[in-house]
Structures are given as structure tokens and as C-alpha cells.
Amino acid sequence: MAKAATIILAGTESHTDLGRLANGLQAAKEFAETEGDEVELIFDGAGTQWVPELEDEDHDYHELYQSVQDDVMVCDYCAGTFDVGGAVDDAAVVRIDENAGHPSIRSLVDDDYEIITY
């Protein structure tokens, strides 16, 4: 049994960022589909900007995003900073704010999660 926290930090500005998003979503899906594995997919920093884009059914990675929807979380502080808080709320994505408004990476490590960043 593996435990992984896949964290999307890449913003929406470049083709490289899109590649990092795709790889992060695919990695999260692999964990989600493996019996006994646990996964958390966290959009943090500039990565929070992906939520409204991925909610669009016409986005190339909408279906992949939907396949891991139950594991998606968003940094509460960064959603506000990057002006996507309303879209996050509309999408009913869980906001996490365990460490001064941010996800607690230490808690994930303490819970034996491998941290994978994209």
C-alpha cells in the first residue's frame, strides 16, 4: 500500500506548466486506481489557477481531472491570492488551511505520505 500526496504547483502560463499538470493528474490517477493506495491531489500556489480551467468540460484534461475529483484539495490561502476562490467554491473542492492557511506538508510526511510535486 502506497500513500502519495501529489501537489500541483505549476501555474497556467506555459506549455511546460500544462505538461506538469498532465503528469501530476496522471500520477494521482494511477494511485487512485490502485487498490489499497491512498492519494491526495493538492493544488497549491499558482497551481490553484487550474481548478476553474479544469472544471471547463472543453478542457483537454477535464476528464482526467474528473477521474480524481474525490481526491482533490486546494490551498485555501492560495485560492484567494490567485483570485480563484469563487471558482473553487463553485466546484465544491475541499479547501485546506492546516498551516496558516496552507496545507500542512509536515502532517502529510508524519502520516507517511510520499510528497510528489509538479
Protein backbone atom coordinates (compact mmCIF):
# COMPACT_ATOMS: atom_id res chain seq x y z
CA MET A 1 0.00 0.00 0.00
CA ALA A 2 1.38 3.37 -1.06
CA LYS A 3 0.42 6.80 0.22
CA ALA A 4 1.12 9.75 -2.05
CA ALA A 5 0.42 13.46 -1.92
CA THR A 6 0.64 14.84 -5.44
CA ILE A 7 1.00 18.61 -5.31
CA ILE A 8 0.42 20.75 -8.39
CA LEU A 9 2.41 23.99 -8.06
CA ALA A 10 2.70 24.81 -11.77
CA GLY A 11 0.67 27.77 -12.93
CA THR A 12 -1.24 28.16 -16.16
CA GLU A 13 1.18 30.33 -18.11
CA SER A 14 3.16 27.95 -20.32
CA HIS A 15 3.16 24.72 -22.25
CA THR A 16 5.62 23.37 -19.68
CA ASP A 17 3.11 24.13 -16.91
CA LEU A 18 0.44 22.21 -18.83
CA GLY A 19 2.81 19.26 -19.08
CA ARG A 20 3.46 19.32 -15.34
CA LEU A 21 -0.30 19.43 -14.71
CA ALA A 22 -0.92 16.46 -17.02
CA ASN A 23 1.82 14.42 -15.36
CA GLY A 24 0.54 15.26 -11.89
CA LEU A 25 -3.03 14.32 -12.76
CA GLN A 26 -1.89 11.07 -14.36
CA ALA A 27 0.22 10.16 -11.33
CA ALA A 28 -2.69 10.86 -8.99
CA LYS A 29 -4.97 8.72 -11.17
CA GLU A 30 -2.52 5.81 -11.04
CA PHE A 31 -2.52 5.88 -7.24
CA ALA A 32 -6.30 6.35 -7.09
CA GLU A 33 -6.85 3.31 -9.30
CA THR A 34 -4.50 1.02 -7.38
CA GLU A 35 -6.34 -0.91 -4.70
CA GLY A 36 -5.06 -0.12 -1.24
CA ASP A 37 -3.22 3.06 -2.25
CA GLU A 38 -4.11 6.44 -0.82
CA VAL A 39 -3.70 9.68 -2.71
CA GLU A 40 -4.27 13.35 -2.09
CA LEU A 41 -4.13 15.70 -5.07
CA ILE A 42 -3.39 19.20 -3.82
CA PHE A 43 -3.45 22.35 -5.94
CA ASP A 44 -1.19 24.85 -4.21
CA GLY A 45 0.40 28.19 -5.11
CA ALA A 46 -0.09 29.12 -8.75
CA GLY A 47 -1.45 25.59 -9.28
CA THR A 48 -4.76 26.73 -7.80
CA GLN A 49 -5.41 28.54 -11.08
CA TRP A 50 -6.02 25.17 -12.76
CA VAL A 51 -9.27 24.48 -10.90
CA PRO A 52 -11.53 26.79 -12.95
CA GLU A 53 -9.80 25.71 -16.16
CA LEU A 54 -10.20 22.00 -15.42
CA GLU A 55 -13.83 22.46 -14.46
CA ASP A 56 -14.47 23.52 -18.08
CA GLU A 57 -15.77 20.44 -19.92
CA ASP A 58 -13.94 21.57 -23.08
CA HIS A 59 -10.51 21.47 -21.42
CA ASP A 60 -8.26 18.70 -22.75
CA TYR A 61 -7.67 17.36 -19.24
CA HIS A 62 -11.19 17.79 -17.83
CA GLU A 63 -11.93 14.07 -17.99
CA LEU A 64 -8.63 13.15 -16.33
CA TYR A 65 -9.31 15.75 -13.62
CA GLN A 66 -12.80 14.34 -13.10
CA SER A 67 -11.34 10.84 -12.66
CA VAL A 68 -9.55 12.00 -9.48
CA GLN A 69 -12.12 14.56 -8.32
CA ASP A 70 -12.71 12.78 -5.00
CA ASP A 71 -9.05 13.26 -4.07
CA VAL A 72 -8.74 16.96 -5.00
CA MET A 73 -7.97 19.67 -2.45
CA VAL A 74 -6.93 23.29 -2.82
CA CYS A 75 -4.81 25.55 -0.65
CA ASP A 76 -7.24 28.00 0.92
CA TYR A 77 -4.77 30.86 1.14
CA CYS A 78 -3.50 30.48 -2.42
CA ALA A 79 -7.00 30.19 -3.88
CA GLY A 80 -7.61 33.68 -2.52
CA THR A 81 -4.22 35.02 -3.54
CA PHE A 82 -4.65 33.82 -7.11
CA ASP A 83 -8.28 35.04 -7.30
CA VAL A 84 -9.86 31.63 -7.87
CA GLY A 85 -11.68 31.28 -4.55
CA GLY A 86 -15.11 31.69 -6.13
CA ALA A 87 -14.37 29.07 -8.78
CA VAL A 88 -13.06 26.69 -6.12
CA ASP A 89 -16.25 27.18 -4.12
CA ASP A 90 -18.40 26.69 -7.24
CA ALA A 91 -16.56 23.44 -7.94
CA ALA A 92 -17.14 22.30 -4.34
CA VAL A 93 -13.46 21.44 -3.99
CA VAL A 94 -12.20 20.98 -0.45
CA ARG A 95 -10.08 23.89 0.80
CA ILE A 96 -7.29 23.06 3.20
CA ASP A 97 -5.80 25.51 5.65
CA GLU A 98 -3.97 23.49 8.29
CA ASN A 99 -0.80 25.62 8.38
CA ALA A 100 -1.51 29.35 8.41
CA GLY A 101 -3.97 28.95 5.54
CA HIS A 102 -1.86 26.43 3.63
CA PRO A 103 -1.73 22.63 3.53
CA SER A 104 0.44 21.06 6.19
CA ILE A 105 3.22 19.25 4.39
CA ARG A 106 4.62 18.19 7.74
CA SER A 107 1.34 16.42 8.60
CA LEU A 108 1.46 14.56 5.32
CA VAL A 109 5.03 13.45 5.98
CA ASP A 110 4.07 12.48 9.54
CA ASP A 111 1.24 10.37 8.06
CA ASP A 112 3.81 8.57 5.85
CA TYR A 113 2.78 10.18 2.55
CA GLU A 114 5.37 10.48 -0.19
CA ILE A 115 5.34 14.07 -1.45
CA ILE A 116 5.41 14.42 -5.24
CA THR A 117 5.46 17.92 -6.69
CA TYR A 118 4.67 19.10 -10.19
